[in-house]
Amino acid sequence: MHAFDHATRTTKGARDYQEDSSAFWPPEKPESGAEDAPTANATRLVAVLADGMGGHTAGALASRMVCDSFISAYRGLNGARPERLLSALRSANDAIADEVRSNPVLSGMGTTLVAAVFCDAGVEWVSVGDSPLLLFRRGEIALLNEDHSLAPELDRLAAEGTISAAQARADPRRHMLRSAVTGEELDLVDVSRKPLVLEAGDYVILASDGLHTLDTAEVARVVAAYAGDGAEAVAEALIRAVVAMRDPHQDNTTVMAVRPVA
């Protein structure tokens, strides 16, 4: 039976407000009377991260609502994990729709979502938007989920020779989302269909797109340097590395680090 070492760290970056939200279930400090651990379908840990949009109030509200709604829904479901993940996502999307209907001034608010469930079989996930889910293994980083921004499309055009690589990187539309949790129909959803088996030494990183200030090689270097010290050290080191870049336009950045332990 696996246990999972996990931690979250965040920075507002250059902004004066925070639109990212994240949550683990079960929480590190359960509420009085709450169950100590999840039992349905042998899930050991659920991690959810949302990067809100729509301004200070609306973005923060959307991301928090989606995290809370997703976990609440997932806890009450049974059956195969992919179907539970999709059903919890729909519940979170419905929560946004209900909030906008009751308070039309919030129209246009939304959020990305990436959620991962960890069990003895490995990790499974669902995501909408551009918040990355990364696997660190033996010194290398791999992106597990789909990027629903325009970045992959621009990179494809560059690979085809339609535009240059420099044009693709500098295009102001690069970070525009093709799909988000807004209460409307979900245009693009990425969901795993079977568990990814985790190995000793692996880390799974959920992050908001502010982490993209670091290139993939730097993320791998930082994780490798602190991997032996545990999830808390890895999450703290990644946030320190983002802050050290001193990007004057640095977005909110949240990092959730999870590793299997015997």
Protein backbone atom coordinates (compact mmCIF):
# COMPACT_ATOMS: atom_id res chain seq x y z
CA MET A 1 0.00 0.00 0.00
CA HIS A 2 1.44 3.35 -1.09
CA ALA A 3 1.45 6.57 0.87
CA PHE A 4 2.03 9.90 -0.85
CA ASP A 5 4.23 12.72 0.39
CA HIS A 6 2.72 15.99 -0.82
CA ALA A 7 3.00 19.76 -0.46
CA THR A 8 1.79 23.02 -2.00
CA ARG A 9 3.54 26.36 -2.38
CA THR A 10 2.42 29.54 -4.15
CA THR A 11 3.41 33.10 -5.03
CA LYS A 12 1.37 36.04 -6.29
CA GLY A 13 4.23 37.02 -8.59
CA ALA A 14 3.99 40.58 -9.91
CA ARG A 15 0.26 40.78 -9.22
CA ASP A 16 -1.35 42.22 -6.11
CA TYR A 17 -3.99 39.49 -5.99
CA GLN A 18 -4.14 35.70 -6.18
CA GLU A 19 -6.40 33.84 -8.62
CA ASP A 20 -4.90 30.39 -8.10
CA SER A 21 -6.51 27.86 -5.76
CA SER A 22 -5.48 24.34 -4.84
CA ALA A 23 -6.53 21.59 -2.48
CA PHE A 24 -5.57 18.10 -1.37
CA TRP A 25 -8.04 15.50 -0.14
CA PRO A 26 -7.87 14.26 2.46
CA PRO A 27 -6.56 17.56 3.85
CA GLU A 28 -3.40 17.57 5.92
CA LYS A 29 -5.48 18.77 8.90
CA PRO A 30 -8.91 17.10 8.58
CA GLU A 31 -11.92 18.83 10.09
CA SER A 32 -13.14 17.45 13.37
CA GLY A 33 -15.18 14.32 12.74
CA ALA A 34 -13.95 13.92 9.16
CA GLU A 35 -12.65 10.59 7.94
CA ASP A 36 -8.89 10.25 8.21
CA ALA A 37 -8.47 8.82 4.72
CA PRO A 38 -10.45 8.23 1.53
CA THR A 39 -11.63 4.69 0.89
CA ALA A 40 -13.70 4.69 -2.32
CA ASN A 41 -11.94 2.71 -5.06
CA ALA A 42 -8.74 2.73 -2.98
CA THR A 43 -8.00 6.37 -3.75
CA ARG A 44 -5.23 7.54 -1.41
CA LEU A 45 -4.94 11.20 -2.41
CA VAL A 46 -6.71 13.72 -4.63
CA ALA A 47 -4.93 16.89 -5.78
CA VAL A 48 -6.77 19.73 -7.54
CA LEU A 49 -5.40 23.00 -8.89
CA ALA A 50 -7.31 25.81 -10.62
CA ASP A 51 -6.02 29.04 -12.19
CA GLY A 52 -8.86 31.55 -12.20
CA MET A 53 -9.68 34.22 -14.76
CA GLY A 54 -12.08 37.12 -14.83
CA GLY A 55 -10.39 39.60 -12.51
CA HIS A 56 -9.44 39.76 -8.86
CA THR A 57 -12.78 38.78 -7.31
CA ALA A 58 -14.26 36.60 -10.05
CA GLY A 59 -11.09 34.64 -10.85
CA ALA A 60 -10.38 33.87 -7.21
CA LEU A 61 -14.00 32.84 -6.62
CA ALA A 62 -14.08 30.63 -9.72
CA SER A 63 -10.89 28.78 -8.84
CA ARG A 64 -11.90 28.19 -5.23
CA MET A 65 -15.43 27.06 -6.19
CA VAL A 66 -14.09 24.62 -8.76
CA CYS A 67 -11.56 23.06 -6.35
CA ASP A 68 -14.17 22.69 -3.61
CA SER A 69 -16.90 21.42 -5.95
CA PHE A 70 -14.61 18.93 -7.64
CA ILE A 71 -13.44 17.35 -4.39
CA SER A 72 -16.93 17.31 -2.90
CA ALA A 73 -18.31 15.56 -5.98
CA TYR A 74 -15.44 13.08 -6.32
CA ARG A 75 -15.77 12.01 -2.69
CA GLY A 76 -19.41 11.06 -3.23
CA LEU A 77 -18.87 8.99 -6.37
CA ASN A 78 -18.14 5.33 -7.00
CA GLY A 79 -17.13 3.39 -10.08
CA ALA A 80 -14.17 3.59 -12.44
CA ARG A 81 -11.88 6.53 -11.79
CA PRO A 82 -12.02 8.05 -15.32
CA GLU A 83 -15.81 8.30 -15.08
CA ARG A 84 -15.59 9.71 -11.55
CA LEU A 85 -13.07 12.31 -12.73
CA LEU A 86 -15.31 13.40 -15.60
CA SER A 87 -18.39 13.49 -13.39
CA ALA A 88 -16.59 15.60 -10.77
CA LEU A 89 -15.44 17.96 -13.52
CA ARG A 90 -19.02 18.35 -14.75
CA SER A 91 -20.16 19.11 -11.19
CA ALA A 92 -17.49 21.80 -10.89
CA ASN A 93 -18.52 23.30 -14.22
CA ASP A 94 -22.17 23.27 -13.14
CA ALA A 95 -21.22 25.12 -9.94
CA ILE A 96 -19.79 27.96 -12.03
CA ALA A 97 -22.93 28.05 -14.18
CA ASP A 98 -25.16 28.22 -11.09
CA GLU A 99 -23.09 31.04 -9.60
CA VAL A 100 -23.24 33.11 -12.79
CA ARG A 101 -27.00 32.60 -13.07
CA SER A 102 -27.50 33.83 -9.50
CA ASN A 103 -25.07 36.72 -9.88
CA PRO A 104 -24.88 37.87 -13.54
CA VAL A 105 -22.19 40.44 -12.76
CA LEU A 106 -19.81 37.46 -12.59
CA SER A 107 -20.50 36.53 -16.22
CA GLY A 108 -17.21 35.71 -17.94
CA MET A 109 -15.50 34.25 -14.92
CA GLY A 110 -13.84 30.90 -15.28
CA THR A 111 -10.80 28.84 -14.48
CA THR A 112 -8.50 26.11 -15.65
CA LEU A 113 -8.57 22.83 -13.76
CA VAL A 114 -6.11 19.99 -13.36
CA ALA A 115 -6.92 17.18 -10.94
CA ALA A 116 -4.98 14.02 -10.20
CA VAL A 117 -5.96 11.00 -8.12
CA PHE A 118 -3.29 8.80 -6.59
CA CYS A 119 -3.78 5.18 -5.58
CA ASP A 120 -1.76 1.97 -5.37
CA ALA A 121 -2.18 1.52 -9.15
CA GLY A 122 -0.61 4.91 -9.93
CA VAL A 123 -1.96 8.32 -10.96
CA GLU A 124 -4.96 9.26 -13.13
CA TRP A 125 -6.07 12.75 -14.08
CA VAL A 126 -8.48 15.12 -15.79
CA SER A 127 -7.70 18.63 -17.00
CA VAL A 128 -9.15 21.59 -18.85
CA GLY A 129 -7.00 24.56 -19.85
CA ASP A 130 -3.26 25.08 -19.74
CA SER A 131 -2.28 24.19 -16.17
CA PRO A 132 0.46 21.56 -16.60
CA LEU A 133 0.64 18.12 -15.03
CA LEU A 134 4.27 17.02 -15.06
CA LEU A 135 6.07 13.77 -14.33
CA PHE A 136 9.65 13.89 -13.08
CA ARG A 137 11.43 10.57 -13.57
CA ARG A 138 15.14 9.82 -13.57
CA GLY A 139 16.16 13.43 -14.14
CA GLU A 140 13.70 14.22 -16.93
CA ILE A 141 10.35 16.03 -17.11
CA ALA A 142 7.39 14.91 -19.22
CA LEU A 143 4.07 16.70 -19.72
CA LEU A 144 1.26 14.25 -18.96
CA ASN A 145 -1.81 16.30 -19.92
CA GLU A 146 -2.85 18.25 -22.99
CA ASP A 147 -2.21 22.01 -23.26
CA HIS A 148 -5.49 23.71 -24.22
CA SER A 149 -3.91 27.09 -24.95
CA LEU A 150 -2.97 28.26 -28.45
CA ALA A 151 0.70 27.44 -27.78
CA PRO A 152 0.59 23.92 -29.28
CA GLU A 153 -1.17 25.21 -32.40
CA LEU A 154 1.41 27.96 -32.87
CA ASP A 155 4.23 25.46 -32.34
CA ARG A 156 2.63 23.17 -34.93
CA LEU A 157 2.57 26.02 -37.44
CA ALA A 158 6.23 26.66 -36.72
CA ALA A 159 7.06 22.98 -37.23
CA GLU A 160 5.27 23.10 -40.58
CA GLY A 161 7.24 26.20 -41.60
CA THR A 162 4.16 28.43 -41.82
CA ILE A 163 5.66 30.74 -39.20
CA SER A 164 9.08 30.88 -37.57
CA ALA A 165 9.82 29.42 -34.14
CA ALA A 166 10.55 32.95 -32.90
CA GLN A 167 7.16 34.15 -34.15
CA ALA A 168 5.45 31.24 -32.39
CA ARG A 169 7.17 32.05 -29.09
CA ALA A 170 6.42 35.79 -29.33
CA ASP A 171 2.82 35.58 -30.54
CA PRO A 172 0.61 37.50 -28.06
CA ARG A 173 -2.14 34.90 -28.52
CA ARG A 174 0.11 32.12 -27.23
CA HIS A 175 -1.51 31.98 -23.80
CA MET A 176 -5.12 32.31 -24.99
CA LEU A 177 -7.21 29.36 -23.83
CA ARG A 178 -9.10 27.10 -26.22
CA SER A 179 -11.01 25.53 -23.31
CA ALA A 180 -11.77 26.51 -19.71
CA VAL A 181 -14.26 25.78 -16.94
CA THR A 182 -16.75 28.63 -17.39
CA GLY A 183 -20.15 27.01 -16.84
CA GLU A 184 -20.58 26.67 -20.60
CA GLU A 185 -19.99 23.56 -22.70
CA LEU A 186 -16.49 22.18 -22.16
CA ASP A 187 -14.80 22.36 -25.56
CA LEU A 188 -11.72 20.30 -24.74
CA VAL A 189 -11.15 17.86 -21.87
CA ASP A 190 -8.11 15.67 -21.28
CA VAL A 191 -8.70 12.55 -19.18
CA SER A 192 -6.44 9.57 -18.58
CA ARG A 193 -7.93 6.19 -19.39
CA LYS A 194 -5.73 4.01 -17.20
CA PRO A 195 -3.38 4.63 -14.29
CA LEU A 196 0.20 5.69 -14.92
CA VAL A 197 2.29 3.45 -12.71
CA LEU A 198 4.61 5.45 -10.46
CA GLU A 199 8.15 4.41 -9.60
CA ALA A 200 10.35 5.11 -6.60
CA GLY A 201 11.92 8.53 -7.08
CA ASP A 202 9.09 9.89 -9.25
CA TYR A 203 7.45 13.25 -8.61
CA VAL A 204 4.13 14.41 -10.05
CA ILE A 205 3.86 18.20 -10.29
CA LEU A 206 0.58 20.07 -10.76
CA ALA A 207 1.10 23.77 -11.50
CA SER A 208 -0.51 26.92 -12.76
CA ASP A 209 0.95 28.34 -15.96
CA GLY A 210 3.11 30.81 -14.04
CA LEU A 211 5.59 27.93 -13.77
CA HIS A 212 6.29 28.39 -17.50
CA THR A 213 8.66 31.20 -16.49
CA LEU A 214 11.08 28.29 -15.98
CA ASP A 215 11.96 26.20 -19.01
CA THR A 216 11.59 22.43 -18.83
CA ALA A 217 15.30 21.84 -18.25
CA GLU A 218 15.32 24.21 -15.27
CA VAL A 219 12.25 22.57 -13.73
CA ALA A 220 13.98 19.20 -14.05
CA ARG A 221 17.19 20.58 -12.52
CA VAL A 222 15.38 22.05 -9.53
CA VAL A 223 13.34 18.92 -8.84
CA ALA A 224 16.41 16.71 -9.16
CA ALA A 225 18.35 18.91 -6.73
CA TYR A 226 15.71 18.64 -4.00
CA ALA A 227 14.04 15.31 -4.77
CA GLY A 228 15.71 13.52 -1.89
CA ASP A 229 14.42 16.11 0.60
CA GLY A 230 10.73 15.48 -0.06
CA ALA A 231 7.70 17.16 -1.59
CA GLU A 232 7.81 20.24 0.63
CA ALA A 233 11.40 20.99 -0.36
CA VAL A 234 10.64 20.47 -4.07
CA ALA A 235 7.58 22.75 -4.04
CA GLU A 236 9.45 25.47 -2.14
CA ALA A 237 12.45 25.25 -4.48
CA LEU A 238 10.33 25.58 -7.62
CA ILE A 239 8.59 28.68 -6.28
CA ARG A 240 11.95 30.17 -5.24
CA ALA A 241 13.26 29.57 -8.75
CA VAL A 242 10.25 31.33 -10.29
CA VAL A 243 10.66 34.32 -7.96
CA ALA A 244 14.40 34.47 -8.68
CA MET A 245 13.68 35.07 -12.38
CA ARG A 246 12.36 38.53 -11.42
CA ASP A 247 9.94 38.63 -14.35
CA PRO A 248 8.20 42.03 -14.16
CA HIS A 249 5.04 40.41 -15.54
CA GLN A 250 5.18 37.25 -13.42
CA ASP A 251 1.78 35.60 -13.13
CA ASN A 252 0.47 33.89 -10.00
CA THR A 253 2.25 30.57 -9.62
CA THR A 254 1.13 27.55 -7.61
CA VAL A 255 3.01 24.26 -7.40
CA MET A 256 1.70 20.99 -5.93
CA ALA A 257 4.34 18.27 -5.56
CA VAL A 258 3.47 14.62 -4.91
CA ARG A 259 5.74 11.59 -4.61
CA PRO A 260 5.02 7.96 -3.72
CA VAL A 261 6.66 6.65 -0.57
CA ALA A 262 6.82 3.09 0.67
